[in-house]
Amino acid sequence: MLQLRLKLMKSILILGGGKSCTVLIEYLSHHAATDGYHIVIADADADNVREKVGLLAAVAVVEFTLEDTLKLENLVREATIVVSMLPAHLHIPVAHECLKQRRNMVTASYVSPEMEVLHQAAQERGLLFLNEMGVDPGIDHMSAMRVVERIKAEGGIMTGFESFTGGLIAPECERDNPWRYKFTWNPRNVVLAGQGAAKFVQMGKYKYIPYHRLFRRTEIINIPSWGTFEGYGNRDSLKYRSSYGLQDIPTMYRGTLRRPGFCRTWDAFVLLGATDDSYIMEGSENMTKRDFINSFMSYNPHDSVELKLAHYLHLDLDSEEMYKLKWLGIFDNVPVGLKKPSTPAQMLQKILEDKWSLQPDDKDMLVMWHRFNFTLHGEQKEIHASMVSIGEDGLHTAMAKTVGLPVAIAVRKILKGEIALTGVHIPTLAAIYDPVLDELETQGIVFEEREVEPSFY
């Protein structure tokens, strides 16, 4: 009888149960009884997910890997809607199965070219593949579009838009950490951030920042009550002009936030080549941290690694940058700890994880800031909008909240028929962002706006 009742209920399939899923699962579980659905979480480490979800109502956990195509087919067939929280490159086989089984799909990831080409097929089947429903991308789009459309409705003409987001640690948890930073998201993505060139438009001129200069071209941003941050450019700030309806905007720039001083010191790793992921380092499995740094230095049996590094990077030995680097332990004569030949980026990531992993009593912080420049009735105007979210603990992080809640809210709205679009979409339409933002506000994710004296680029 129970199995029959479950078959008659709507079912939400969540593929992947990692760190960002905690709040997503709890939110959906909280509404499961009243909305009439149950939740299936499929993950390669089912035992870990079971421990995390505990006795949450209407939640079942199954073991699953994407290589098991038959199981994927069965799981999708039994679902009413599919949420893919897998790594971004794994969404496509899931999307094809959703097309085959005629199931809606939601992800928090950027729309890939492979996903984009499924737009017509999804429309023909009456399906919605909603992507970029996390925080960045996600909340950034929604919060920006609500203000942009309001400005346009009032007769304003957009002349500039900037947006920055950063996953950081809460001020009370910075303590003796001179970087004022720890990993709150995928460490690999942090190490590889910015590779390629940042491109944007400023005062009608296309601008490019190559990777080796990215962390020296930063913007200082002050957020009332939260202090000062620095932002560096994302790879492509241009692609959202059409999505935002801002094709002719003279200035558009998107970036990532860190605390002041972070970028200048991170630049040392870029200049060394320690963030390179394109080749394997011979003998890396036996290297100490000191060996790793020394491998990028010229041979000199008389000078210390510290002295060679400072000379190579034109740093004073007592500089703030050298202090931050020493604090990370990069000069320690202890094994890096990777047991197989690795790339420089993999080696650096392992070293950083020793110092930048969140501890049980740490709280993270998610910061988002927008600048809107526009003319209204012949006057120059500028609005700043900011949102700061503080995590509760190691499971209920700000990152998990701001990634998971938009996904969860969108899933409920789709199941209820309140979002009834078809095709491949991101949340830049009012039909998506208005209901999602309204509910996010009830969950404490609120943007504060203030009008300021216009700045000139």
Protein backbone atom coordinates (compact mmCIF):
# COMPACT_ATOMS: atom_id res chain seq x y z
CA MET A 1 0.00 0.00 0.00
CA LEU A 2 2.83 2.39 0.89
CA GLN A 3 4.61 1.65 -2.39
CA LEU A 4 1.41 2.38 -4.32
CA ARG A 5 0.95 5.69 -2.49
CA LEU A 6 4.57 6.68 -3.24
CA LYS A 7 4.03 5.91 -6.94
CA LEU A 8 1.03 8.25 -6.98
CA MET A 9 2.99 11.06 -5.31
CA LYS A 10 5.25 13.45 -7.15
CA SER A 11 8.92 12.59 -6.85
CA ILE A 12 11.98 14.85 -6.82
CA LEU A 13 15.19 13.15 -7.92
CA ILE A 14 18.38 14.85 -6.69
CA LEU A 15 21.53 13.57 -8.37
CA GLY A 16 24.49 14.31 -6.08
CA GLY A 17 24.35 14.96 -2.35
CA GLY A 18 27.45 17.07 -1.72
CA LYS A 19 28.07 20.04 0.57
CA SER A 20 25.84 22.43 -1.34
CA CYS A 21 22.83 20.13 -1.00
CA THR A 22 22.25 20.26 2.76
CA VAL A 23 19.88 23.22 2.83
CA LEU A 24 18.30 22.21 -0.50
CA ILE A 25 17.31 18.80 0.90
CA GLU A 26 16.11 20.15 4.25
CA TYR A 27 13.95 22.78 2.59
CA LEU A 28 12.31 20.30 0.24
CA SER A 29 11.82 17.79 3.07
CA HIS A 30 10.11 20.47 5.17
CA HIS A 31 7.49 21.04 2.45
CA ALA A 32 7.16 17.43 1.26
CA ALA A 33 4.04 16.51 3.25
CA THR A 34 2.01 19.64 2.42
CA ASP A 35 3.06 19.65 -1.25
CA GLY A 36 2.60 15.92 -1.72
CA TYR A 37 5.97 14.71 -2.97
CA HIS A 38 8.87 12.57 -1.82
CA ILE A 39 12.60 12.98 -2.47
CA VAL A 40 15.17 10.50 -3.78
CA ILE A 41 18.86 11.40 -3.44
CA ALA A 42 21.24 9.43 -5.64
CA ASP A 43 24.93 9.67 -4.79
CA ALA A 44 28.10 7.59 -5.12
CA ASP A 45 28.62 7.82 -1.35
CA ALA A 46 25.13 6.90 -0.18
CA ASP A 47 26.21 6.17 3.41
CA ASN A 48 27.64 9.67 3.81
CA VAL A 49 24.44 11.23 2.46
CA ARG A 50 22.30 9.06 4.76
CA GLU A 51 24.31 10.25 7.74
CA LYS A 52 23.84 13.85 6.64
CA VAL A 53 20.08 13.70 6.03
CA GLY A 54 19.40 11.64 9.15
CA LEU A 55 15.68 11.12 9.69
CA LEU A 56 14.41 13.85 7.39
CA ALA A 57 10.85 13.23 6.28
CA ALA A 58 10.07 11.86 2.81
CA VAL A 59 13.75 11.37 1.89
CA ALA A 60 15.26 8.18 0.47
CA VAL A 61 18.92 7.70 -0.47
CA VAL A 62 20.23 5.34 -3.13
CA GLU A 63 23.71 4.55 -4.33
CA PHE A 64 24.41 5.71 -7.86
CA THR A 65 27.18 6.56 -10.32
CA LEU A 66 26.60 8.06 -13.73
CA GLU A 67 28.32 5.10 -15.38
CA ASP A 68 25.25 3.01 -14.46
CA THR A 69 23.12 4.17 -17.38
CA LEU A 70 20.36 1.64 -16.69
CA LYS A 71 19.96 2.90 -13.13
CA LEU A 72 19.92 6.50 -14.38
CA GLU A 73 17.16 5.56 -16.80
CA ASN A 74 15.11 3.95 -14.03
CA LEU A 75 15.66 6.81 -11.57
CA VAL A 76 14.63 9.46 -14.07
CA ARG A 77 11.59 7.42 -15.15
CA GLU A 78 10.36 7.28 -11.54
CA ALA A 79 10.88 11.03 -11.01
CA THR A 80 8.56 13.95 -11.65
CA ILE A 81 11.45 16.43 -11.81
CA VAL A 82 15.25 16.00 -11.77
CA VAL A 83 17.76 18.18 -9.93
CA SER A 84 21.34 17.65 -11.05
CA MET A 85 23.87 18.74 -8.43
CA LEU A 86 26.61 16.76 -10.15
CA PRO A 87 29.73 18.47 -11.51
CA ALA A 88 28.77 20.70 -14.43
CA HIS A 89 30.27 18.50 -17.15
CA LEU A 90 28.04 15.61 -16.08
CA HIS A 91 24.73 17.39 -16.65
CA ILE A 92 24.50 16.57 -20.34
CA PRO A 93 23.88 12.78 -20.12
CA VAL A 94 21.29 13.56 -17.44
CA ALA A 95 19.66 16.15 -19.71
CA HIS A 96 19.46 13.64 -22.58
CA GLU A 97 17.80 11.11 -20.29
CA CYS A 98 15.36 13.81 -19.14
CA LEU A 99 14.50 14.51 -22.78
CA LYS A 100 13.96 10.82 -23.39
CA GLN A 101 11.75 10.42 -20.29
CA ARG A 102 10.10 13.87 -20.66
CA ARG A 103 11.16 15.21 -17.25
CA ASN A 104 11.89 18.80 -16.21
CA MET A 105 15.41 19.49 -14.95
CA VAL A 106 17.06 22.09 -12.70
CA THR A 107 20.78 22.75 -12.15
CA ALA A 108 22.88 25.41 -10.42
CA SER A 109 25.56 25.36 -13.13
CA TYR A 110 26.41 27.63 -16.04
CA VAL A 111 24.67 26.76 -19.30
CA SER A 112 27.20 24.93 -21.46
CA PRO A 113 27.06 25.01 -25.28
CA GLU A 114 25.99 21.35 -25.14
CA MET A 115 23.07 22.29 -22.87
CA GLU A 116 22.13 25.34 -24.92
CA VAL A 117 21.59 23.31 -28.08
CA LEU A 118 18.89 21.28 -26.30
CA HIS A 119 16.60 24.35 -26.14
CA GLN A 120 14.42 23.45 -29.12
CA ALA A 121 14.18 19.77 -28.20
CA ALA A 122 13.07 20.69 -24.67
CA GLN A 123 10.49 23.13 -26.04
CA GLU A 124 9.09 20.55 -28.44
CA ARG A 125 8.58 18.16 -25.50
CA GLY A 126 7.10 20.88 -23.27
CA LEU A 127 10.03 20.65 -20.84
CA LEU A 128 11.90 23.23 -18.80
CA PHE A 129 15.66 22.85 -18.30
CA LEU A 130 16.35 25.63 -15.77
CA ASN A 131 20.05 26.30 -15.21
CA GLU A 132 22.19 28.79 -13.27
CA MET A 133 19.81 28.63 -10.28
CA GLY A 134 22.45 28.82 -7.54
CA VAL A 135 24.12 31.91 -6.12
CA ASP A 136 26.69 32.88 -8.77
CA PRO A 137 25.29 32.08 -11.24
CA GLY A 138 21.75 32.45 -9.97
CA ILE A 139 20.94 34.98 -7.28
CA ASP A 140 23.27 37.40 -9.07
CA HIS A 141 21.13 37.23 -12.24
CA MET A 142 17.83 37.46 -10.42
CA SER A 143 18.71 40.33 -8.10
CA ALA A 144 20.32 42.29 -10.94
CA MET A 145 17.44 41.79 -13.37
CA ARG A 146 14.84 42.91 -10.84
CA VAL A 147 16.62 46.27 -10.46
CA VAL A 148 17.46 46.63 -14.17
CA GLU A 149 13.84 46.05 -15.19
CA ARG A 150 12.61 48.47 -12.53
CA ILE A 151 14.99 51.15 -13.81
CA LYS A 152 13.81 50.58 -17.38
CA ALA A 153 10.15 50.68 -16.33
CA GLU A 154 10.73 54.08 -14.71
CA GLY A 155 12.21 55.37 -17.96
CA GLY A 156 15.88 54.98 -17.02
CA ILE A 157 18.65 54.07 -19.45
CA MET A 158 21.38 51.77 -18.14
CA THR A 159 24.92 53.07 -18.66
CA GLY A 160 26.90 50.73 -16.40
CA PHE A 161 26.53 47.50 -14.48
CA GLU A 162 29.06 45.79 -12.21
CA SER A 163 28.53 42.67 -10.12
CA PHE A 164 30.85 40.92 -7.66
CA THR A 165 30.37 37.81 -5.52
CA GLY A 166 32.66 36.16 -3.00
CA GLY A 167 32.61 33.13 -0.73
CA LEU A 168 34.63 34.10 2.35
CA ILE A 169 34.76 33.47 6.08
CA ALA A 170 32.73 35.42 8.62
CA PRO A 171 34.58 38.32 10.27
CA GLU A 172 34.59 36.64 13.70
CA CYS A 173 36.32 33.60 12.17
CA GLU A 174 39.18 35.46 10.50
CA ARG A 175 41.11 35.51 13.79
CA ASP A 176 44.84 35.10 13.11
CA ASN A 177 44.33 34.21 9.42
CA PRO A 178 46.19 36.95 7.51
CA TRP A 179 44.50 35.95 4.22
CA ARG A 180 41.04 36.35 5.81
CA TYR A 181 40.01 33.47 3.61
CA LYS A 182 39.27 29.74 3.63
CA PHE A 183 37.78 27.34 1.11
CA THR A 184 33.99 27.59 1.16
CA TRP A 185 33.51 26.01 -2.27
CA ASN A 186 35.38 23.64 -4.56
CA PRO A 187 39.11 24.20 -3.80
CA ARG A 188 40.12 23.21 -7.32
CA ASN A 189 38.00 26.00 -8.79
CA VAL A 190 39.69 28.51 -6.48
CA VAL A 191 43.18 27.41 -7.53
CA LEU A 192 42.30 27.55 -11.22
CA ALA A 193 40.27 30.78 -11.00
CA GLY A 194 40.85 33.37 -13.68
CA GLN A 195 42.90 31.29 -16.11
CA GLY A 196 42.45 32.64 -19.58
CA ALA A 197 41.69 36.34 -19.93
CA ALA A 198 39.07 38.53 -18.29
CA LYS A 199 37.12 40.49 -20.87
CA PHE A 200 34.63 43.28 -20.31
CA VAL A 201 33.45 46.58 -21.72
CA GLN A 202 34.20 49.95 -20.12
CA MET A 203 32.88 53.27 -21.42
CA GLY A 204 32.17 51.61 -24.75
CA LYS A 205 35.69 50.17 -25.09
CA TYR A 206 36.44 46.45 -24.99
CA LYS A 207 39.02 45.65 -22.32
CA TYR A 208 41.07 42.52 -21.64
CA ILE A 209 43.13 41.49 -18.63
CA PRO A 210 45.52 38.56 -19.21
CA TYR A 211 45.81 35.94 -16.48
CA HIS A 212 49.30 37.05 -15.41
CA ARG A 213 47.93 40.54 -14.61
CA LEU A 214 44.46 39.61 -13.36
CA PHE A 215 45.26 39.71 -9.65
CA ARG A 216 47.01 43.07 -9.90
CA ARG A 217 44.05 44.80 -11.59
CA THR A 218 41.56 44.91 -8.74
CA GLU A 219 38.69 47.15 -7.71
CA ILE A 220 38.13 48.29 -4.11
CA ILE A 221 34.55 47.95 -2.88
CA ASN A 222 33.13 49.11 0.45
CA ILE A 223 29.97 47.55 1.82
CA PRO A 224 28.48 49.40 4.81
CA SER A 225 28.69 47.43 8.07
CA TRP A 226 30.89 44.79 6.41
CA GLY A 227 34.01 46.71 5.47
CA THR A 228 36.26 46.75 2.47
CA PHE A 229 36.71 44.11 -0.22
CA GLU A 230 38.68 43.82 -3.43
CA GLY A 231 37.35 42.39 -6.67
CA TYR A 232 39.10 40.80 -9.62
CA GLY A 233 37.52 40.20 -13.02
CA ASN A 234 35.71 37.06 -14.12
CA ARG A 235 36.65 35.50 -17.44
CA ASP A 236 33.77 36.77 -19.58
CA SER A 237 31.65 39.71 -18.48
CA LEU A 238 30.23 40.22 -21.97
CA LYS A 239 28.10 37.14 -22.52
CA TYR A 240 25.27 38.31 -20.26
CA ARG A 241 24.64 41.58 -22.10
CA SER A 242 22.06 39.93 -24.33
CA SER A 243 20.59 37.81 -21.49
CA TYR A 244 20.13 40.96 -19.37
CA GLY A 245 18.78 42.98 -22.30
CA LEU A 246 21.81 45.27 -22.07
CA GLN A 247 23.34 44.74 -25.51
CA ASP A 248 24.37 48.39 -25.89
CA ILE A 249 25.43 49.12 -22.30
CA PRO A 250 28.75 51.07 -22.28
CA THR A 251 30.13 49.42 -19.12
CA MET A 252 29.65 45.84 -17.91
CA TYR A 253 31.98 44.04 -15.52
CA ARG A 254 31.57 40.94 -13.36
CA GLY A 255 34.05 39.72 -10.79
CA THR A 256 34.96 37.86 -7.60
CA LEU A 257 35.36 39.34 -4.12
CA ARG A 258 38.19 38.78 -1.67
CA ARG A 259 39.46 40.73 1.33
CA PRO A 260 42.11 43.41 0.62
CA GLY A 261 45.63 42.03 0.14
CA PHE A 262 44.52 38.57 -0.95
CA CYS A 263 44.95 39.17 -4.68
CA ARG A 264 48.40 40.72 -4.46
CA THR A 265 49.72 37.70 -2.57
CA TRP A 266 47.85 35.15 -4.70
CA ASP A 267 49.57 36.74 -7.67
CA ALA A 268 52.82 35.23 -6.34
CA PHE A 269 51.50 31.72 -7.08
CA VAL A 270 50.39 32.81 -10.55
CA LEU A 271 53.81 34.27 -11.37
CA LEU A 272 55.57 31.17 -10.04
CA GLY A 273 53.49 28.88 -12.22
CA ALA A 274 52.12 27.06 -9.17
CA THR A 275 48.53 27.24 -10.48
CA ASP A 276 49.39 25.49 -13.75
CA ASP A 277 47.31 22.36 -14.34
CA SER A 278 48.69 21.43 -17.75
CA TYR A 279 51.58 19.09 -16.87
CA ILE A 280 52.69 16.48 -14.32
CA MET A 281 55.61 17.24 -12.03
CA GLU A 282 58.16 14.44 -11.97
CA GLY A 283 58.81 13.20 -8.45
CA SER A 284 55.95 15.23 -7.01
CA GLU A 285 54.75 12.32 -4.88
CA ASN A 286 57.96 12.59 -2.83
CA MET A 287 58.17 16.39 -2.61
CA THR A 288 58.01 18.41 0.56
CA LYS A 289 56.22 21.75 0.50
CA ARG A 290 59.62 23.43 0.45
CA ASP A 291 60.71 21.24 -2.48
CA PHE A 292 57.59 22.23 -4.39
CA ILE A 293 58.28 25.95 -4.11
CA ASN A 294 61.99 25.47 -4.75
CA SER A 295 61.24 23.57 -7.97
CA PHE A 296 60.19 26.88 -9.56
CA MET A 297 63.36 28.68 -8.45
CA SER A 298 66.73 28.82 -10.19
CA TYR A 299 69.46 26.62 -8.76
CA ASN A 300 71.52 28.32 -6.07
CA PRO A 301 72.97 26.16 -3.28
CA HIS A 302 73.84 29.19 -1.13
CA ASP A 303 70.55 31.12 -0.91
CA SER A 304 67.50 29.96 1.03
CA VAL A 305 64.23 29.22 -0.75
CA GLU A 306 62.71 32.21 1.03
CA LEU A 307 65.42 34.54 -0.26
CA LYS A 308 65.21 33.19 -3.81
CA LEU A 309 61.43 33.58 -3.84
CA ALA A 310 61.54 37.11 -2.47
CA HIS A 311 64.19 38.08 -5.03
CA TYR A 312 62.29 36.46 -7.90
CA LEU A 313 59.03 38.21 -7.03
CA HIS A 314 60.65 41.50 -5.98
CA LEU A 315 59.33 41.22 -2.44
CA ASP A 316 60.90 42.36 0.81
CA LEU A 317 61.54 39.50 3.21
CA ASP A 318 59.48 41.31 5.85
CA SER A 319 56.65 42.22 3.47
CA GLU A 320 53.00 41.41 4.08
CA GLU A 321 53.06 39.07 1.08
CA MET A 322 55.96 37.04 2.47
CA TYR A 323 54.22 36.84 5.85
CA LYS A 324 51.06 35.44 4.22
CA LEU A 325 53.09 32.91 2.21
CA LYS A 326 55.01 31.74 5.28
CA TRP A 327 51.76 31.42 7.24
CA LEU A 328 50.53 28.93 4.63
CA GLY A 329 53.49 26.69 5.42
CA ILE A 330 54.82 26.63 1.87
CA PHE A 331 58.42 26.70 3.14
CA ASP A 332 57.92 23.83 5.62
CA ASN A 333 60.11 20.81 5.05
CA VAL A 334 57.20 18.38 5.39
CA PRO A 335 55.67 16.16 2.67
CA VAL A 336 52.93 17.64 0.53
CA GLY A 337 51.14 14.34 0.92
CA LEU A 338 49.95 13.47 -2.58
CA LYS A 339 50.70 9.84 -3.34
CA LYS A 340 50.70 10.03 -7.13
CA PRO A 341 52.38 12.28 -9.69
CA SER A 342 50.47 15.55 -9.77
CA THR A 343 50.22 18.88 -11.54
CA PRO A 344 51.43 22.10 -9.87
CA ALA A 345 47.80 23.14 -9.32
CA GLN A 346 47.03 19.85 -7.57
CA MET A 347 50.10 20.20 -5.37
CA LEU A 348 49.19 23.77 -4.44
CA GLN A 349 45.62 22.80 -3.68
CA LYS A 350 46.79 20.12 -1.24
CA ILE A 351 49.10 22.59 0.52
CA LEU A 352 46.34 25.17 0.81
CA GLU A 353 43.82 22.66 2.15
CA ASP A 354 46.03 22.20 5.20
CA LYS A 355 45.39 25.84 6.19
CA TRP A 356 42.23 26.85 4.35
CA SER A 357 39.83 24.05 5.22
CA LEU A 358 36.85 25.14 7.32
CA GLN A 359 37.05 23.94 10.92
CA PRO A 360 34.00 22.74 12.89
CA ASP A 361 33.60 26.10 14.64
CA ASP A 362 34.13 28.19 11.49
CA LYS A 363 31.33 30.10 9.79
CA ASP A 364 31.47 31.13 6.19
CA MET A 365 30.16 34.32 4.57
CA LEU A 366 28.67 34.93 1.13
CA VAL A 367 28.90 38.51 -0.16
CA MET A 368 27.28 39.90 -3.30
CA TRP A 369 27.42 43.51 -4.54
CA HIS A 370 25.96 45.24 -7.60
CA ARG A 371 26.51 48.72 -9.01
CA PHE A 372 23.86 50.15 -11.38
CA ASN A 373 24.65 53.34 -13.31
CA PHE A 374 21.85 54.91 -15.34
CA THR A 375 20.35 58.14 -16.56
CA LEU A 376 16.83 59.08 -15.49
CA HIS A 377 15.12 62.19 -16.91
CA GLY A 378 18.51 63.53 -17.96
CA GLU A 379 20.18 62.98 -14.56
CA GLN A 380 23.03 60.58 -13.78
CA LYS A 381 22.05 58.05 -11.10
CA GLU A 382 23.83 55.25 -9.25
CA ILE A 383 22.46 52.50 -7.02
CA HIS A 384 24.44 50.00 -4.96
CA ALA A 385 22.78 46.74 -3.88
CA SER A 386 24.43 44.28 -1.48
CA MET A 387 23.59 40.99 0.18
CA VAL A 388 25.57 39.28 2.95
CA SER A 389 24.74 35.83 4.31
CA ILE A 390 26.51 34.20 7.27
CA GLY A 391 26.61 30.44 7.70
CA GLU A 392 25.38 28.68 10.83
CA ASP A 393 27.81 25.75 10.97
CA GLY A 394 29.79 23.32 8.83
CA LEU A 395 26.65 21.86 7.22
CA HIS A 396 24.37 24.89 7.08
CA THR A 397 26.90 27.16 5.41
CA ALA A 398 26.10 30.43 3.69
CA MET A 399 27.25 28.78 0.47
CA ALA A 400 24.90 25.81 0.94
CA LYS A 401 22.05 28.19 1.74
CA THR A 402 22.55 30.56 -1.19
CA VAL A 403 23.17 27.73 -3.67
CA GLY A 404 20.55 25.30 -2.40
CA LEU A 405 17.59 27.54 -1.62
CA PRO A 406 17.12 29.05 -5.11
CA VAL A 407 17.24 25.56 -6.61
CA ALA A 408 14.76 24.21 -4.07
CA ILE A 409 12.35 27.12 -4.44
CA ALA A 410 12.43 26.83 -8.22
CA VAL A 411 11.69 23.09 -8.02
CA ARG A 412 8.60 23.73 -5.89
CA LYS A 413 7.39 26.51 -8.19
CA ILE A 414 7.78 24.24 -11.23
CA LEU A 415 5.94 21.36 -9.54
CA LYS A 416 3.09 23.73 -8.65
CA GLY A 417 2.90 25.08 -12.18
CA GLU A 418 3.89 28.58 -11.03
CA ILE A 419 6.89 28.55 -13.38
CA ALA A 420 5.57 27.18 -16.67
CA LEU A 421 8.25 28.00 -19.22
CA THR A 422 9.69 25.53 -21.72
CA GLY A 423 13.16 25.21 -23.21
CA VAL A 424 16.62 25.88 -21.75
CA HIS A 425 16.55 28.95 -19.50
CA ILE A 426 18.48 30.91 -16.90
CA PRO A 427 16.63 33.02 -14.29
CA THR A 428 16.63 36.36 -16.11
CA LEU A 429 12.87 36.40 -16.71
CA ALA A 430 10.48 37.96 -14.21
CA ALA A 431 8.37 34.79 -14.31
CA ILE A 432 11.30 33.07 -12.60
CA TYR A 433 13.08 35.69 -10.54
CA ASP A 434 10.09 37.46 -8.97
CA PRO A 435 8.63 34.44 -7.11
CA VAL A 436 12.07 33.05 -6.23
CA LEU A 437 13.42 36.34 -4.88
CA ASP A 438 10.23 36.95 -2.91
CA GLU A 439 10.60 33.64 -1.13
CA LEU A 440 14.35 34.06 -0.64
CA GLU A 441 13.57 37.21 1.32
CA THR A 442 11.45 35.16 3.73
CA GLN A 443 14.54 32.95 4.19
CA GLY A 444 16.76 35.91 5.15
CA ILE A 445 18.43 36.45 1.78
CA VAL A 446 17.74 40.15 1.35
CA PHE A 447 19.41 42.85 -0.73
CA GLU A 448 19.96 46.30 0.71
CA GLU A 449 19.85 49.14 -1.79
CA ARG A 450 21.16 52.68 -1.48
CA GLU A 451 21.44 55.51 -3.96
CA VAL A 452 24.86 57.17 -4.00
CA GLU A 453 26.59 60.00 -5.81
CA PRO A 454 27.29 58.80 -9.37
CA SER A 455 30.86 57.66 -10.05
CA PHE A 456 32.57 58.26 -13.37
CA TYR A 457 34.80 55.65 -14.99
